[in-house]
Amino acid sequence: MTAVTDVLALACTTAGLLAVGLAGVTGGRWRAGATVGLDLWVAAGLLRLSGAPDLSAVAAAAAVITVRRLVVAQLGSTAPSARC
């Protein structure tokens, strides 16, 4: 079972990198790409936890979740305000 979760975690990590890269290359959508990429990296961390959890896996998942929350909060605060 851990081999399957390792492959899925690697797929999520790769998909996150591709989402950020493609959003940057296609122009203008880097915020959406960063948000999707971070969500996929959180998924990869949680998949790694489901395999053989140890303290380093827990710390890595917590770090990714913390970074995601900080980045999304910062992106939300710098977003242009909607005008009617």
C-alpha atoms as a PDB file:
ATOM      1  CA  MET A   1       0.000   0.000   0.000  1.00  0.00           C
ATOM      2  CA  THR A   2       2.846   2.408   0.691  1.00  0.00           C
ATOM      3  CA  ALA A   3       4.131   2.004  -2.864  1.00  0.00           C
ATOM      4  CA  VAL A   4       0.772   3.161  -4.210  1.00  0.00           C
ATOM      5  CA  THR A   5       0.624   6.159  -1.882  1.00  0.00           C
ATOM      6  CA  ASP A   6       4.221   7.077  -2.723  1.00  0.00           C
ATOM      7  CA  VAL A   7       3.388   7.077  -6.433  1.00  0.00           C
ATOM      8  CA  LEU A   8       0.236   9.123  -5.824  1.00  0.00           C
ATOM      9  CA  ALA A   9       2.167  11.597  -3.657  1.00  0.00           C
ATOM     10  CA  LEU A  10       4.769  11.979  -6.395  1.00  0.00           C
ATOM     11  CA  ALA A  11       1.979  12.524  -8.951  1.00  0.00           C
ATOM     12  CA  CYS A  12       0.427  15.237  -6.761  1.00  0.00           C
ATOM     13  CA  THR A  13       3.789  16.947  -6.319  1.00  0.00           C
ATOM     14  CA  THR A  14       4.440  16.867 -10.067  1.00  0.00           C
ATOM     15  CA  ALA A  15       0.943  18.120 -10.860  1.00  0.00           C
ATOM     16  CA  GLY A  16       1.455  20.982  -8.411  1.00  0.00           C
ATOM     17  CA  LEU A  17       4.694  21.986 -10.094  1.00  0.00           C
ATOM     18  CA  LEU A  18       3.017  21.811 -13.495  1.00  0.00           C
ATOM     19  CA  ALA A  19       0.075  23.920 -12.288  1.00  0.00           C
ATOM     20  CA  VAL A  20       2.361  26.672 -11.028  1.00  0.00           C
ATOM     21  CA  GLY A  21       4.565  26.507 -14.122  1.00  0.00           C
ATOM     22  CA  LEU A  22       1.734  26.514 -16.630  1.00  0.00           C
ATOM     23  CA  ALA A  23      -0.035  29.340 -14.829  1.00  0.00           C
ATOM     24  CA  GLY A  24       3.133  31.417 -14.971  1.00  0.00           C
ATOM     25  CA  VAL A  25       3.827  30.637 -18.628  1.00  0.00           C
ATOM     26  CA  THR A  26       0.289  31.275 -19.851  1.00  0.00           C
ATOM     27  CA  GLY A  27       0.393  34.658 -18.167  1.00  0.00           C
ATOM     28  CA  GLY A  28      -1.617  36.450 -15.595  1.00  0.00           C
ATOM     29  CA  ARG A  29      -2.971  33.459 -13.668  1.00  0.00           C
ATOM     30  CA  TRP A  30      -0.043  32.806 -11.330  1.00  0.00           C
ATOM     31  CA  ARG A  31      -2.167  33.343  -8.196  1.00  0.00           C
ATOM     32  CA  ALA A  32      -4.597  30.628  -9.213  1.00  0.00           C
ATOM     33  CA  GLY A  33      -1.706  28.359 -10.190  1.00  0.00           C
ATOM     34  CA  ALA A  34       0.021  28.920  -6.852  1.00  0.00           C
ATOM     35  CA  THR A  35      -3.166  28.138  -4.950  1.00  0.00           C
ATOM     36  CA  VAL A  36      -3.786  24.936  -6.909  1.00  0.00           C
ATOM     37  CA  GLY A  37      -0.135  23.941  -6.632  1.00  0.00           C
ATOM     38  CA  LEU A  38      -0.138  24.417  -2.869  1.00  0.00           C
ATOM     39  CA  ASP A  39      -3.351  22.408  -2.547  1.00  0.00           C
ATOM     40  CA  LEU A  40      -1.766  19.564  -4.490  1.00  0.00           C
ATOM     41  CA  TRP A  41       1.359  19.720  -2.299  1.00  0.00           C
ATOM     42  CA  VAL A  42      -0.839  19.489   0.796  1.00  0.00           C
ATOM     43  CA  ALA A  43      -2.478  16.420  -0.760  1.00  0.00           C
ATOM     44  CA  ALA A  44       0.954  14.903  -1.399  1.00  0.00           C
ATOM     45  CA  GLY A  45       1.970  15.497   2.225  1.00  0.00           C
ATOM     46  CA  LEU A  46      -1.208  13.884   3.515  1.00  0.00           C
ATOM     47  CA  LEU A  47      -0.715  10.905   1.202  1.00  0.00           C
ATOM     48  CA  ARG A  48       2.787  10.457   2.581  1.00  0.00           C
ATOM     49  CA  LEU A  49       1.321  10.498   6.096  1.00  0.00           C
ATOM     50  CA  SER A  50      -1.042   7.667   5.201  1.00  0.00           C
ATOM     51  CA  GLY A  51       1.866   5.409   4.298  1.00  0.00           C
ATOM     52  CA  ALA A  52       4.314   5.058   7.167  1.00  0.00           C
ATOM     53  CA  PRO A  53       3.855   8.082   9.412  1.00  0.00           C
ATOM     54  CA  ASP A  54       6.858   9.273  11.340  1.00  0.00           C
ATOM     55  CA  LEU A  55       7.804  12.559  12.935  1.00  0.00           C
ATOM     56  CA  SER A  56       9.520  13.944   9.823  1.00  0.00           C
ATOM     57  CA  ALA A  57       6.450  13.250   7.664  1.00  0.00           C
ATOM     58  CA  VAL A  58       4.210  14.977  10.201  1.00  0.00           C
ATOM     59  CA  ALA A  59       6.577  17.971  10.340  1.00  0.00           C
ATOM     60  CA  ALA A  60       6.727  18.186   6.537  1.00  0.00           C
ATOM     61  CA  ALA A  61       2.937  18.075   6.209  1.00  0.00           C
ATOM     62  CA  ALA A  62       2.543  20.718   8.921  1.00  0.00           C
ATOM     63  CA  ALA A  63       5.114  22.950   7.210  1.00  0.00           C
ATOM     64  CA  VAL A  64       3.373  22.685   3.834  1.00  0.00           C
ATOM     65  CA  ILE A  65      -0.012  23.455   5.386  1.00  0.00           C
ATOM     66  CA  THR A  66       1.441  26.453   7.248  1.00  0.00           C
ATOM     67  CA  VAL A  67       3.097  27.818   4.109  1.00  0.00           C
ATOM     68  CA  ARG A  68      -0.111  27.290   2.138  1.00  0.00           C
ATOM     69  CA  ARG A  69      -2.185  29.195   4.688  1.00  0.00           C
ATOM     70  CA  LEU A  70       0.318  32.073   4.784  1.00  0.00           C
ATOM     71  CA  VAL A  71       0.619  32.338   1.004  1.00  0.00           C
ATOM     72  CA  VAL A  72      -3.133  32.157   0.399  1.00  0.00           C
ATOM     73  CA  ALA A  73      -3.732  34.790   3.092  1.00  0.00           C
ATOM     74  CA  GLN A  74      -1.108  37.051   1.525  1.00  0.00           C
ATOM     75  CA  LEU A  75      -2.514  36.553  -1.971  1.00  0.00           C
ATOM     76  CA  GLY A  76      -5.988  37.345  -0.694  1.00  0.00           C
ATOM     77  CA  SER A  77      -4.828  40.557   0.987  1.00  0.00           C
ATOM     78  CA  THR A  78      -3.051  41.791  -2.139  1.00  0.00           C
ATOM     79  CA  ALA A  79      -5.888  40.983  -4.510  1.00  0.00           C
ATOM     80  CA  PRO A  80      -7.403  44.016  -6.192  1.00  0.00           C
ATOM     81  CA  SER A  81     -10.685  45.069  -4.651  1.00  0.00           C
ATOM     82  CA  ALA A  82     -13.876  44.545  -6.613  1.00  0.00           C
ATOM     83  CA  ARG A  83     -15.553  47.720  -7.719  1.00  0.00           C
ATOM     84  CA  CYS A  84     -19.218  48.083  -8.553  1.00  0.00           C
END
